[in-house]
Amino acid sequence: VYRPADPGEIRALLGGPLPNEGAPADEVVAALADNLDPFVTAHASGRYFGFVVGGLHPASYGAELLAAAWDQNAGLYAVAQGVAIAEEVAAGWVLELLDLPADASVGFVTGGQMATFTCLAAARQRVLREAGWDVEADGLQDAPRIHVVTKTEKHSTVPRSLRFLGLGTKSMDVGSDSQSRIDPVALDEVLSGLEGPTIVCVESGNVNTGSFDDFHAVADVADRHRERGNPTWVHVDGAVGLWARASAGRRHLSDGLERLDSWSTDAHKLLNVSYDSGIAITRHPAAHRAAMSVQASYLIQADGDVRDQMDWNPEFSRRGRGLAVYATLRSLGRTG
């Protein structure tokens, strides 16, 4: 599964100065396979228990081979029509499977980190827009302050996303219980003392304990905060646990989650899609698209009933990442 290695041993096999003359591609790939095989960690093995990574579904593997062979730059519908529609269908299946709003927006990104970043970028756009500020045009200088409220035992990708977005890592932390669940009473007390745009981050499946926050209680607290005139967005980090909603026996763990504003998850964990694959989902497509989209005179951009993938994720050029999600869901079906 894993063989500790001396990095010098690997460097000796791969390194040295850049060759002046090239080599046939098949020889290069064969040598790479021989040289690195002893150092490949078997993440897909049933005996691998390191970190929280998934295995690899055969349909995902096959779809990745197709994506590499076709080599589509899947940012625009105009240049990758098939991939665009496959991702559109996969997005609809994800929403159906997870019982999230059918009109929610979906972006296929690199992982939980960028899914959280994408959702929080949409959150930043919407709460500031409701406060009368256009953050896309005017940036954060002189903008109304956004209060960010998280729990003490949040995943490290949340503060990292906040840092990327210029919101800083000094969020207002709310206490967690012994299972790392946010304290809704403490959250209510914190929000009662705040005025203005507010982003709250909660969790569906804590990485250390597997716990789920009380989403109905969080939604009630957020509703009261909105009723006091405060633009409010609640994001759910569901990198691990959002998929519980696909299981009849586990769905109750996420009750109330559908009342919130955005959800991030990984396909490369419990869905066993190949790395890298994350999914950003929001209840507010206009905010999501405003935060991510780009316009340029030389692009042929979609209109009508098709979508440009670059409007829903931070990347411009991108591979056909959603193909593996499509293939895996098609192979498993709802019962799988």
C-alpha atoms as a PDB file:
ATOM      1  CA  VAL A   1       0.000   0.000   0.000  1.00  0.00           C
ATOM      2  CA  TYR A   2       2.767   2.425   0.946  1.00  0.00           C
ATOM      3  CA  ARG A   3       6.554   2.135   0.955  1.00  0.00           C
ATOM      4  CA  PRO A   4       8.494   4.907   2.720  1.00  0.00           C
ATOM      5  CA  ALA A   5      11.247   6.069   0.397  1.00  0.00           C
ATOM      6  CA  ASP A   6      14.334   8.202   0.410  1.00  0.00           C
ATOM      7  CA  PRO A   7      13.548  11.195  -1.823  1.00  0.00           C
ATOM      8  CA  GLY A   8      17.109  10.972  -3.103  1.00  0.00           C
ATOM      9  CA  GLU A   9      16.325   7.522  -4.501  1.00  0.00           C
ATOM     10  CA  ILE A  10      13.435   8.921  -6.527  1.00  0.00           C
ATOM     11  CA  ARG A  11      15.423  11.941  -7.683  1.00  0.00           C
ATOM     12  CA  ALA A  12      18.203   9.658  -8.910  1.00  0.00           C
ATOM     13  CA  LEU A  13      15.723   7.811 -11.104  1.00  0.00           C
ATOM     14  CA  LEU A  14      13.973  10.890 -12.501  1.00  0.00           C
ATOM     15  CA  GLY A  15      16.367  13.783 -12.232  1.00  0.00           C
ATOM     16  CA  GLY A  16      19.462  15.168 -13.855  1.00  0.00           C
ATOM     17  CA  PRO A  17      19.762  18.021 -16.342  1.00  0.00           C
ATOM     18  CA  LEU A  18      17.118  18.467 -19.005  1.00  0.00           C
ATOM     19  CA  PRO A  19      18.121  16.203 -21.932  1.00  0.00           C
ATOM     20  CA  ASN A  20      19.265  18.032 -25.019  1.00  0.00           C
ATOM     21  CA  GLU A  21      17.790  15.425 -27.322  1.00  0.00           C
ATOM     22  CA  GLY A  22      14.307  13.994 -26.945  1.00  0.00           C
ATOM     23  CA  ALA A  23      13.211  10.363 -26.714  1.00  0.00           C
ATOM     24  CA  PRO A  24      10.278   8.432 -28.167  1.00  0.00           C
ATOM     25  CA  ALA A  25       7.111   8.959 -26.159  1.00  0.00           C
ATOM     26  CA  ASP A  26       6.510   5.240 -25.579  1.00  0.00           C
ATOM     27  CA  GLU A  27      10.001   4.832 -24.126  1.00  0.00           C
ATOM     28  CA  VAL A  28       9.526   7.834 -21.840  1.00  0.00           C
ATOM     29  CA  VAL A  29       6.206   6.560 -20.537  1.00  0.00           C
ATOM     30  CA  ALA A  30       7.508   3.020 -20.072  1.00  0.00           C
ATOM     31  CA  ALA A  31      10.497   4.299 -18.119  1.00  0.00           C
ATOM     32  CA  LEU A  32       8.261   6.541 -16.008  1.00  0.00           C
ATOM     33  CA  ALA A  33       6.043   3.557 -15.186  1.00  0.00           C
ATOM     34  CA  ASP A  34       9.015   1.378 -14.234  1.00  0.00           C
ATOM     35  CA  ASN A  35      10.718   4.066 -12.198  1.00  0.00           C
ATOM     36  CA  LEU A  36       7.703   5.273 -10.242  1.00  0.00           C
ATOM     37  CA  ASP A  37       5.810   2.028  -9.740  1.00  0.00           C
ATOM     38  CA  PRO A  38       7.577   1.213  -6.430  1.00  0.00           C
ATOM     39  CA  PHE A  39       6.622   4.639  -5.073  1.00  0.00           C
ATOM     40  CA  VAL A  40       2.933   4.744  -6.007  1.00  0.00           C
ATOM     41  CA  THR A  41       0.688   4.702  -2.941  1.00  0.00           C
ATOM     42  CA  ALA A  42      -2.253   2.361  -3.471  1.00  0.00           C
ATOM     43  CA  HIS A  43      -5.035   4.773  -2.527  1.00  0.00           C
ATOM     44  CA  ALA A  44      -7.645   2.546  -4.170  1.00  0.00           C
ATOM     45  CA  SER A  45      -6.676  -0.473  -2.072  1.00  0.00           C
ATOM     46  CA  GLY A  46      -9.057  -1.792   0.575  1.00  0.00           C
ATOM     47  CA  ARG A  47      -6.074  -1.736   2.931  1.00  0.00           C
ATOM     48  CA  TYR A  48      -5.444   2.012   2.591  1.00  0.00           C
ATOM     49  CA  PHE A  49      -6.637   4.027   5.592  1.00  0.00           C
ATOM     50  CA  GLY A  50      -4.591   7.210   5.222  1.00  0.00           C
ATOM     51  CA  PHE A  51      -6.439  10.533   5.193  1.00  0.00           C
ATOM     52  CA  VAL A  52      -9.909  10.642   3.583  1.00  0.00           C
ATOM     53  CA  VAL A  53      -9.473   9.614  -0.030  1.00  0.00           C
ATOM     54  CA  GLY A  54     -11.633   7.429  -2.211  1.00  0.00           C
ATOM     55  CA  GLY A  55     -11.057   4.458  -4.456  1.00  0.00           C
ATOM     56  CA  LEU A  56     -11.626   4.485  -8.207  1.00  0.00           C
ATOM     57  CA  HIS A  57     -14.783   3.335  -9.940  1.00  0.00           C
ATOM     58  CA  PRO A  58     -14.112   1.579 -13.285  1.00  0.00           C
ATOM     59  CA  ALA A  59     -16.522   3.908 -15.103  1.00  0.00           C
ATOM     60  CA  SER A  60     -14.619   6.920 -13.825  1.00  0.00           C
ATOM     61  CA  TYR A  61     -11.348   5.383 -14.991  1.00  0.00           C
ATOM     62  CA  GLY A  62     -12.763   4.795 -18.458  1.00  0.00           C
ATOM     63  CA  ALA A  63     -14.184   8.315 -18.663  1.00  0.00           C
ATOM     64  CA  GLU A  64     -10.802   9.763 -17.726  1.00  0.00           C
ATOM     65  CA  LEU A  65      -9.181   7.827 -20.559  1.00  0.00           C
ATOM     66  CA  LEU A  66     -11.727   9.327 -22.951  1.00  0.00           C
ATOM     67  CA  ALA A  67     -11.208  12.823 -21.542  1.00  0.00           C
ATOM     68  CA  ALA A  68      -7.448  12.523 -22.055  1.00  0.00           C
ATOM     69  CA  ALA A  69      -7.776  11.037 -25.543  1.00  0.00           C
ATOM     70  CA  TRP A  70     -10.280  13.677 -26.683  1.00  0.00           C
ATOM     71  CA  ASP A  71      -8.267  16.420 -24.903  1.00  0.00           C
ATOM     72  CA  GLN A  72     -11.151  18.881 -24.926  1.00  0.00           C
ATOM     73  CA  ASN A  73     -10.668  22.365 -23.521  1.00  0.00           C
ATOM     74  CA  ALA A  74     -14.042  22.221 -21.844  1.00  0.00           C
ATOM     75  CA  GLY A  75     -14.483  25.820 -20.745  1.00  0.00           C
ATOM     76  CA  LEU A  76     -16.841  26.816 -23.553  1.00  0.00           C
ATOM     77  CA  TYR A  77     -19.833  25.043 -25.059  1.00  0.00           C
ATOM     78  CA  ALA A  78     -18.747  26.202 -28.523  1.00  0.00           C
ATOM     79  CA  VAL A  79     -15.564  24.129 -28.506  1.00  0.00           C
ATOM     80  CA  ALA A  80     -16.686  21.148 -26.378  1.00  0.00           C
ATOM     81  CA  GLN A  81     -20.396  20.670 -26.933  1.00  0.00           C
ATOM     82  CA  GLY A  82     -20.527  17.015 -25.914  1.00  0.00           C
ATOM     83  CA  VAL A  83     -18.652  17.572 -22.678  1.00  0.00           C
ATOM     84  CA  ALA A  84     -20.821  20.578 -21.850  1.00  0.00           C
ATOM     85  CA  ILE A  85     -24.023  18.558 -22.177  1.00  0.00           C
ATOM     86  CA  ALA A  86     -22.554  15.587 -20.273  1.00  0.00           C
ATOM     87  CA  GLU A  87     -21.684  17.946 -17.403  1.00  0.00           C
ATOM     88  CA  GLU A  88     -25.134  19.529 -17.594  1.00  0.00           C
ATOM     89  CA  VAL A  89     -26.761  16.104 -17.251  1.00  0.00           C
ATOM     90  CA  ALA A  90     -24.372  15.063 -14.471  1.00  0.00           C
ATOM     91  CA  ALA A  91     -25.175  18.265 -12.583  1.00  0.00           C
ATOM     92  CA  GLY A  92     -28.883  17.497 -12.770  1.00  0.00           C
ATOM     93  CA  TRP A  93     -28.291  13.956 -11.542  1.00  0.00           C
ATOM     94  CA  VAL A  94     -26.224  15.198  -8.605  1.00  0.00           C
ATOM     95  CA  LEU A  95     -28.999  17.588  -7.546  1.00  0.00           C
ATOM     96  CA  GLU A  96     -31.593  14.841  -7.902  1.00  0.00           C
ATOM     97  CA  LEU A  97     -29.536  12.298  -5.974  1.00  0.00           C
ATOM     98  CA  LEU A  98     -28.741  14.715  -3.144  1.00  0.00           C
ATOM     99  CA  ASP A  99     -32.286  16.145  -3.125  1.00  0.00           C
ATOM    100  CA  LEU A 100     -31.114  19.729  -3.499  1.00  0.00           C
ATOM    101  CA  PRO A 101     -33.100  22.439  -5.345  1.00  0.00           C
ATOM    102  CA  ALA A 102     -33.540  21.471  -8.999  1.00  0.00           C
ATOM    103  CA  ASP A 103     -32.742  25.042 -10.082  1.00  0.00           C
ATOM    104  CA  ALA A 104     -29.500  25.235  -8.084  1.00  0.00           C
ATOM    105  CA  SER A 105     -26.284  26.058  -9.940  1.00  0.00           C
ATOM    106  CA  VAL A 106     -23.453  23.527 -10.176  1.00  0.00           C
ATOM    107  CA  GLY A 107     -19.761  23.910 -10.948  1.00  0.00           C
ATOM    108  CA  PHE A 108     -17.326  21.017 -11.424  1.00  0.00           C
ATOM    109  CA  VAL A 109     -14.021  22.032  -9.831  1.00  0.00           C
ATOM    110  CA  THR A 110     -10.796  20.414  -8.657  1.00  0.00           C
ATOM    111  CA  GLY A 111     -11.836  19.414  -5.136  1.00  0.00           C
ATOM    112  CA  GLY A 112     -13.394  20.439  -1.857  1.00  0.00           C
ATOM    113  CA  GLN A 113     -11.035  23.381  -1.486  1.00  0.00           C
ATOM    114  CA  MET A 114     -12.070  25.037  -4.738  1.00  0.00           C
ATOM    115  CA  ALA A 115     -15.699  24.020  -4.264  1.00  0.00           C
ATOM    116  CA  THR A 116     -15.747  25.883  -0.945  1.00  0.00           C
ATOM    117  CA  PHE A 117     -13.881  28.806  -2.522  1.00  0.00           C
ATOM    118  CA  THR A 118     -16.414  28.986  -5.365  1.00  0.00           C
ATOM    119  CA  CYS A 119     -19.399  28.869  -3.025  1.00  0.00           C
ATOM    120  CA  LEU A 120     -17.923  31.508  -0.720  1.00  0.00           C
ATOM    121  CA  ALA A 121     -17.125  33.729  -3.707  1.00  0.00           C
ATOM    122  CA  ALA A 122     -20.815  33.554  -4.606  1.00  0.00           C
ATOM    123  CA  ALA A 123     -21.679  34.269  -0.974  1.00  0.00           C
ATOM    124  CA  ARG A 124     -19.426  37.325  -0.943  1.00  0.00           C
ATOM    125  CA  GLN A 125     -21.063  38.592  -4.132  1.00  0.00           C
ATOM    126  CA  ARG A 126     -24.619  38.198  -2.885  1.00  0.00           C
ATOM    127  CA  VAL A 127     -24.343  39.560   0.651  1.00  0.00           C
ATOM    128  CA  LEU A 128     -22.452  42.619  -0.577  1.00  0.00           C
ATOM    129  CA  ARG A 129     -24.884  43.108  -3.467  1.00  0.00           C
ATOM    130  CA  GLU A 130     -27.755  43.077  -0.974  1.00  0.00           C
ATOM    131  CA  ALA A 131     -25.838  45.679   1.025  1.00  0.00           C
ATOM    132  CA  GLY A 132     -25.569  47.899  -2.082  1.00  0.00           C
ATOM    133  CA  TRP A 133     -21.988  47.065  -3.052  1.00  0.00           C
ATOM    134  CA  ASP A 134     -20.715  45.564  -6.347  1.00  0.00           C
ATOM    135  CA  VAL A 135     -17.641  43.620  -5.248  1.00  0.00           C
ATOM    136  CA  GLU A 136     -16.878  42.417  -8.803  1.00  0.00           C
ATOM    137  CA  ALA A 137     -16.549  45.996 -10.047  1.00  0.00           C
ATOM    138  CA  ASP A 138     -15.355  47.837  -6.962  1.00  0.00           C
ATOM    139  CA  GLY A 139     -13.431  45.205  -5.005  1.00  0.00           C
ATOM    140  CA  LEU A 140     -13.252  45.037  -1.223  1.00  0.00           C
ATOM    141  CA  GLN A 141     -11.660  48.409  -0.488  1.00  0.00           C
ATOM    142  CA  ASP A 142     -14.263  50.587   1.245  1.00  0.00           C
ATOM    143  CA  ALA A 143     -16.826  47.771   0.988  1.00  0.00           C
ATOM    144  CA  PRO A 144     -19.145  47.059   3.932  1.00  0.00           C
ATOM    145  CA  ARG A 145     -17.523  44.652   6.323  1.00  0.00           C
ATOM    146  CA  ILE A 146     -18.571  41.015   5.929  1.00  0.00           C
ATOM    147  CA  HIS A 147     -18.930  39.167   9.230  1.00  0.00           C
ATOM    148  CA  VAL A 148     -17.707  35.593   8.819  1.00  0.00           C
ATOM    149  CA  VAL A 149     -18.860  33.133  11.467  1.00  0.00           C
ATOM    150  CA  THR A 150     -17.485  29.592  11.659  1.00  0.00           C
ATOM    151  CA  LYS A 151     -17.155  26.921  14.308  1.00  0.00           C
ATOM    152  CA  THR A 152     -13.960  26.224  16.211  1.00  0.00           C
ATOM    153  CA  GLU A 153     -13.405  22.825  14.584  1.00  0.00           C
ATOM    154  CA  LYS A 154     -13.923  23.742  10.939  1.00  0.00           C
ATOM    155  CA  HIS A 155     -11.905  22.130   8.178  1.00  0.00           C
ATOM    156  CA  SER A 156      -8.752  23.995   7.175  1.00  0.00           C
ATOM    157  CA  THR A 157     -10.056  24.565   3.637  1.00  0.00           C
ATOM    158  CA  VAL A 158     -12.595  27.070   4.978  1.00  0.00           C
ATOM    159  CA  PRO A 159     -10.124  29.643   6.362  1.00  0.00           C
ATOM    160  CA  ARG A 160      -7.902  29.057   3.352  1.00  0.00           C
ATOM    161  CA  SER A 161     -10.803  29.936   1.045  1.00  0.00           C
ATOM    162  CA  LEU A 162     -11.536  33.020   3.120  1.00  0.00           C
ATOM    163  CA  ARG A 163      -7.902  34.032   2.749  1.00  0.00           C
ATOM    164  CA  PHE A 164      -8.067  33.616  -1.032  1.00  0.00           C
ATOM    165  CA  LEU A 165     -11.172  35.825  -1.099  1.00  0.00           C
ATOM    166  CA  GLY A 166      -9.601  38.664   0.862  1.00  0.00           C
ATOM    167  CA  LEU A 167     -11.886  38.086   3.845  1.00  0.00           C
ATOM    168  CA  GLY A 168      -9.106  36.943   6.155  1.00  0.00           C
ATOM    169  CA  THR A 169      -8.849  34.019   8.523  1.00  0.00           C
ATOM    170  CA  LYS A 170      -9.906  35.885  11.683  1.00  0.00           C
ATOM    171  CA  SER A 171     -13.487  34.662  11.569  1.00  0.00           C
ATOM    172  CA  MET A 172     -15.735  34.804  14.605  1.00  0.00           C
ATOM    173  CA  ASP A 173     -15.611  31.286  15.995  1.00  0.00           C
ATOM    174  CA  VAL A 174     -18.561  29.591  17.659  1.00  0.00           C
ATOM    175  CA  GLY A 175     -17.978  26.732  20.073  1.00  0.00           C
ATOM    176  CA  SER A 176     -18.369  23.086  19.115  1.00  0.00           C
ATOM    177  CA  ASP A 177     -19.556  20.157  21.205  1.00  0.00           C
ATOM    178  CA  SER A 178     -17.613  16.943  21.887  1.00  0.00           C
ATOM    179  CA  GLN A 179     -18.480  15.665  18.386  1.00  0.00           C
ATOM    180  CA  SER A 180     -17.380  18.898  16.680  1.00  0.00           C
ATOM    181  CA  ARG A 181     -20.965  20.054  16.013  1.00  0.00           C
ATOM    182  CA  ILE A 182     -21.627  23.805  16.085  1.00  0.00           C
ATOM    183  CA  ASP A 183     -23.561  25.128  19.093  1.00  0.00           C
ATOM    184  CA  PRO A 184     -26.737  26.734  17.634  1.00  0.00           C
ATOM    185  CA  VAL A 185     -27.433  28.682  20.846  1.00  0.00           C
ATOM    186  CA  ALA A 186     -23.953  30.187  20.768  1.00  0.00           C
ATOM    187  CA  LEU A 187     -24.385  30.926  17.045  1.00  0.00           C
ATOM    188  CA  ASP A 188     -27.616  32.770  17.790  1.00  0.00           C
ATOM    189  CA  GLU A 189     -25.886  34.808  20.493  1.00  0.00           C
ATOM    190  CA  VAL A 190     -23.032  35.749  18.149  1.00  0.00           C
ATOM    191  CA  LEU A 191     -25.327  36.752  15.292  1.00  0.00           C
ATOM    192  CA  SER A 192     -27.544  38.766  17.633  1.00  0.00           C
ATOM    193  CA  GLY A 193     -24.600  41.069  18.227  1.00  0.00           C
ATOM    194  CA  LEU A 194     -23.775  41.610  14.537  1.00  0.00           C
ATOM    195  CA  GLU A 195     -25.151  43.970  11.924  1.00  0.00           C
ATOM    196  CA  GLY A 196     -24.498  43.875   8.210  1.00  0.00           C
ATOM    197  CA  PRO A 197     -23.497  41.257   5.603  1.00  0.00           C
ATOM    198  CA  THR A 198     -22.844  37.872   7.188  1.00  0.00           C
ATOM    199  CA  ILE A 199     -21.492  34.517   6.002  1.00  0.00           C
ATOM    200  CA  VAL A 200     -21.848  31.435   8.208  1.00  0.00           C
ATOM    201  CA  CYS A 201     -20.019  28.155   7.527  1.00  0.00           C
ATOM    202  CA  VAL A 202     -21.241  24.794   8.849  1.00  0.00           C
ATOM    203  CA  GLU A 203     -20.407  21.194   8.078  1.00  0.00           C
ATOM    204  CA  SER A 204     -21.906  17.980   6.755  1.00  0.00           C
ATOM    205  CA  GLY A 205     -19.520  15.273   7.941  1.00  0.00           C
ATOM    206  CA  ASN A 206     -16.686  16.505  10.159  1.00  0.00           C
ATOM    207  CA  VAL A 207     -13.371  15.067   8.975  1.00  0.00           C
ATOM    208  CA  ASN A 208     -12.360  13.979  12.492  1.00  0.00           C
ATOM    209  CA  THR A 209     -15.628  12.758  14.016  1.00  0.00           C
ATOM    210  CA  GLY A 210     -18.009  12.263  11.089  1.00  0.00           C
ATOM    211  CA  SER A 211     -20.578  14.489  12.804  1.00  0.00           C
ATOM    212  CA  PHE A 212     -23.265  16.609  11.133  1.00  0.00           C
ATOM    213  CA  ASP A 213     -24.332  20.027  12.340  1.00  0.00           C
ATOM    214  CA  ASP A 214     -27.957  20.672  13.329  1.00  0.00           C
ATOM    215  CA  PHE A 215     -29.003  22.244  10.039  1.00  0.00           C
ATOM    216  CA  HIS A 216     -32.583  23.045  10.975  1.00  0.00           C
ATOM    217  CA  ALA A 217     -31.382  24.925  14.055  1.00  0.00           C
ATOM    218  CA  VAL A 218     -28.732  26.764  12.015  1.00  0.00           C
ATOM    219  CA  ALA A 219     -31.302  27.670   9.338  1.00  0.00           C
ATOM    220  CA  ASP A 220     -33.663  29.045  12.002  1.00  0.00           C
ATOM    221  CA  VAL A 221     -30.887  31.201  13.460  1.00  0.00           C
ATOM    222  CA  ALA A 222     -29.931  32.471   9.990  1.00  0.00           C
ATOM    223  CA  ASP A 223     -33.568  33.306   9.183  1.00  0.00           C
ATOM    224  CA  ARG A 224     -33.849  35.408  12.332  1.00  0.00           C
ATOM    225  CA  HIS A 225     -30.634  37.221  11.415  1.00  0.00           C
ATOM    226  CA  ARG A 226     -32.035  37.997   7.943  1.00  0.00           C
ATOM    227  CA  GLU A 227     -35.308  39.216   9.432  1.00  0.00           C
ATOM    228  CA  ARG A 228     -33.296  41.798  11.391  1.00  0.00           C
ATOM    229  CA  GLY A 229     -32.153  43.219   8.035  1.00  0.00           C
ATOM    230  CA  ASN A 230     -28.798  41.489   7.658  1.00  0.00           C
ATOM    231  CA  PRO A 231     -27.852  39.928   4.287  1.00  0.00           C
ATOM    232  CA  THR A 232     -26.938  36.362   5.243  1.00  0.00           C
ATOM    233  CA  TRP A 233     -25.548  33.305   3.477  1.00  0.00           C
ATOM    234  CA  VAL A 234     -24.952  29.900   5.080  1.00  0.00           C
ATOM    235  CA  HIS A 235     -22.468  27.554   3.400  1.00  0.00           C
ATOM    236  CA  VAL A 236     -22.215  23.819   4.081  1.00  0.00           C
ATOM    237  CA  ASP A 237     -18.823  22.159   3.778  1.00  0.00           C
ATOM    238  CA  GLY A 238     -19.923  18.687   2.718  1.00  0.00           C
ATOM    239  CA  ALA A 239     -16.679  17.380   1.250  1.00  0.00           C
ATOM    240  CA  VAL A 240     -17.154  14.055   2.995  1.00  0.00           C
ATOM    241  CA  GLY A 241     -20.710  13.869   4.271  1.00  0.00           C
ATOM    242  CA  LEU A 242     -22.977  15.513   1.708  1.00  0.00           C
ATOM    243  CA  TRP A 243     -23.339  12.107   0.032  1.00  0.00           C
ATOM    244  CA  ALA A 244     -25.179  10.804   3.112  1.00  0.00           C
ATOM    245  CA  ARG A 245     -28.265  12.336   1.492  1.00  0.00           C
ATOM    246  CA  ALA A 246     -28.077   9.663  -1.201  1.00  0.00           C
ATOM    247  CA  SER A 247     -28.585   6.911   1.377  1.00  0.00           C
ATOM    248  CA  ALA A 248     -32.060   6.234   2.750  1.00  0.00           C
ATOM    249  CA  GLY A 249     -30.512   4.995   5.966  1.00  0.00           C
ATOM    250  CA  ARG A 250     -28.277   8.020   6.467  1.00  0.00           C
ATOM    251  CA  ARG A 251     -30.261  10.881   4.970  1.00  0.00           C
ATOM    252  CA  HIS A 252     -31.635  11.930   8.361  1.00  0.00           C
ATOM    253  CA  LEU A 253     -28.139  13.092   9.332  1.00  0.00           C
ATOM    254  CA  SER A 254     -28.453  15.982   6.883  1.00  0.00           C
ATOM    255  CA  ASP A 255     -32.071  16.994   7.510  1.00  0.00           C
ATOM    256  CA  GLY A 256     -32.501  20.740   7.089  1.00  0.00           C
ATOM    257  CA  LEU A 257     -29.395  21.152   4.978  1.00  0.00           C
ATOM    258  CA  GLU A 258     -31.578  21.925   1.957  1.00  0.00           C
ATOM    259  CA  ARG A 259     -32.706  25.167   3.661  1.00  0.00           C
ATOM    260  CA  LEU A 260     -29.229  26.691   3.417  1.00  0.00           C
ATOM    261  CA  ASP A 261     -27.515  28.566   0.575  1.00  0.00           C
ATOM    262  CA  SER A 262     -24.595  26.568  -0.789  1.00  0.00           C
ATOM    263  CA  TRP A 263     -22.998  23.162  -0.562  1.00  0.00           C
ATOM    264  CA  SER A 264     -19.527  21.907  -1.477  1.00  0.00           C
ATOM    265  CA  THR A 265     -18.518  18.289  -1.853  1.00  0.00           C
ATOM    266  CA  ASP A 266     -15.951  15.947  -3.364  1.00  0.00           C
ATOM    267  CA  ALA A 267     -16.718  13.366  -6.010  1.00  0.00           C
ATOM    268  CA  HIS A 268     -13.279  11.811  -5.511  1.00  0.00           C
ATOM    269  CA  LYS A 269     -14.134  10.664  -1.998  1.00  0.00           C
ATOM    270  CA  LEU A 270     -17.332   8.690  -1.400  1.00  0.00           C
ATOM    271  CA  LEU A 271     -18.414   8.689  -5.041  1.00  0.00           C
ATOM    272  CA  ASN A 272     -15.076   7.106  -6.042  1.00  0.00           C
ATOM    273  CA  VAL A 273     -14.526   9.379  -9.026  1.00  0.00           C
ATOM    274  CA  SER A 274     -10.895   9.786 -10.035  1.00  0.00           C
ATOM    275  CA  TYR A 275      -8.823  12.667  -8.706  1.00  0.00           C
ATOM    276  CA  ASP A 276      -9.368  15.534  -8.980  1.00  0.00           C
ATOM    277  CA  SER A 277     -13.098  16.177  -8.771  1.00  0.00           C
ATOM    278  CA  GLY A 278     -15.080  18.564  -6.584  1.00  0.00           C
ATOM    279  CA  ILE A 279     -18.573  20.032  -6.900  1.00  0.00           C
ATOM    280  CA  ALA A 280     -19.763  23.525  -5.942  1.00  0.00           C
ATOM    281  CA  ILE A 281     -23.536  23.949  -5.622  1.00  0.00           C
ATOM    282  CA  THR A 282     -25.476  27.106  -4.777  1.00  0.00           C
ATOM    283  CA  ARG A 283     -29.121  28.059  -4.366  1.00  0.00           C
ATOM    284  CA  HIS A 284     -28.391  31.411  -6.034  1.00  0.00           C
ATOM    285  CA  PRO A 285     -27.250  30.919  -9.673  1.00  0.00           C
ATOM    286  CA  ALA A 286     -27.055  34.666 -10.374  1.00  0.00           C
ATOM    287  CA  ALA A 287     -24.572  35.209  -7.547  1.00  0.00           C
ATOM    288  CA  HIS A 288     -22.614  32.095  -8.510  1.00  0.00           C
ATOM    289  CA  ARG A 289     -22.327  33.176 -12.133  1.00  0.00           C
ATOM    290  CA  ALA A 290     -21.532  36.794 -11.271  1.00  0.00           C
ATOM    291  CA  ALA A 291     -18.664  35.657  -9.059  1.00  0.00           C
ATOM    292  CA  MET A 292     -17.151  33.252 -11.619  1.00  0.00           C
ATOM    293  CA  SER A 293     -18.036  34.285 -15.187  1.00  0.00           C
ATOM    294  CA  VAL A 294     -15.796  36.066 -17.662  1.00  0.00           C
ATOM    295  CA  GLN A 295     -16.478  37.926 -20.902  1.00  0.00           C
ATOM    296  CA  ALA A 296     -14.128  38.558 -23.806  1.00  0.00           C
ATOM    297  CA  SER A 297     -14.717  39.719 -27.364  1.00  0.00           C
ATOM    298  CA  TYR A 298     -12.816  36.814 -28.915  1.00  0.00           C
ATOM    299  CA  LEU A 299     -14.832  34.118 -27.103  1.00  0.00           C
ATOM    300  CA  ILE A 300     -17.884  32.486 -28.623  1.00  0.00           C
ATOM    301  CA  GLN A 301     -20.077  32.303 -25.563  1.00  0.00           C
ATOM    302  CA  ALA A 302     -23.241  30.318 -25.079  1.00  0.00           C
ATOM    303  CA  ASP A 303     -26.708  31.703 -24.783  1.00  0.00           C
ATOM    304  CA  GLY A 304     -30.136  30.159 -24.578  1.00  0.00           C
ATOM    305  CA  ASP A 305     -30.429  26.703 -23.088  1.00  0.00           C
ATOM    306  CA  VAL A 306     -26.760  25.664 -22.978  1.00  0.00           C
ATOM    307  CA  ARG A 307     -23.997  26.608 -20.549  1.00  0.00           C
ATOM    308  CA  ASP A 308     -20.329  27.557 -20.625  1.00  0.00           C
ATOM    309  CA  GLN A 309     -18.577  25.673 -17.860  1.00  0.00           C
ATOM    310  CA  MET A 310     -16.212  28.566 -17.197  1.00  0.00           C
ATOM    311  CA  ASP A 311     -19.161  30.565 -15.855  1.00  0.00           C
ATOM    312  CA  TRP A 312     -19.464  28.244 -12.853  1.00  0.00           C
ATOM    313  CA  ASN A 313     -15.872  27.571 -11.758  1.00  0.00           C
ATOM    314  CA  PRO A 314     -12.635  29.559 -11.283  1.00  0.00           C
ATOM    315  CA  GLU A 315     -10.847  28.013 -14.249  1.00  0.00           C
ATOM    316  CA  PHE A 316     -10.670  29.314 -17.800  1.00  0.00           C
ATOM    317  CA  SER A 317      -9.084  26.392 -19.615  1.00  0.00           C
ATOM    318  CA  ARG A 318     -10.152  23.090 -18.096  1.00  0.00           C
ATOM    319  CA  ARG A 319     -10.390  19.425 -18.970  1.00  0.00           C
ATOM    320  CA  GLY A 320     -13.709  17.622 -19.207  1.00  0.00           C
ATOM    321  CA  ARG A 321     -13.832  17.022 -15.465  1.00  0.00           C
ATOM    322  CA  GLY A 322     -17.545  16.269 -15.306  1.00  0.00           C
ATOM    323  CA  LEU A 323     -17.306  13.276 -17.662  1.00  0.00           C
ATOM    324  CA  ALA A 324     -16.145  10.996 -14.845  1.00  0.00           C
ATOM    325  CA  VAL A 325     -19.000  12.147 -12.603  1.00  0.00           C
ATOM    326  CA  TYR A 326     -21.454  11.423 -15.416  1.00  0.00           C
ATOM    327  CA  ALA A 327     -19.996   7.966 -16.113  1.00  0.00           C
ATOM    328  CA  THR A 328     -19.878   6.941 -12.461  1.00  0.00           C
ATOM    329  CA  LEU A 329     -23.454   8.014 -11.748  1.00  0.00           C
ATOM    330  CA  ARG A 330     -24.658   6.348 -14.962  1.00  0.00           C
ATOM    331  CA  SER A 331     -22.909   3.121 -13.989  1.00  0.00           C
ATOM    332  CA  LEU A 332     -24.116   3.107 -10.365  1.00  0.00           C
ATOM    333  CA  GLY A 333     -27.647   4.393 -10.823  1.00  0.00           C
ATOM    334  CA  ARG A 334     -29.650   5.511  -7.813  1.00  0.00           C
ATOM    335  CA  THR A 335     -29.556   2.097  -6.130  1.00  0.00           C
ATOM    336  CA  GLY A 336     -25.800   1.853  -6.559  1.00  0.00           C
END
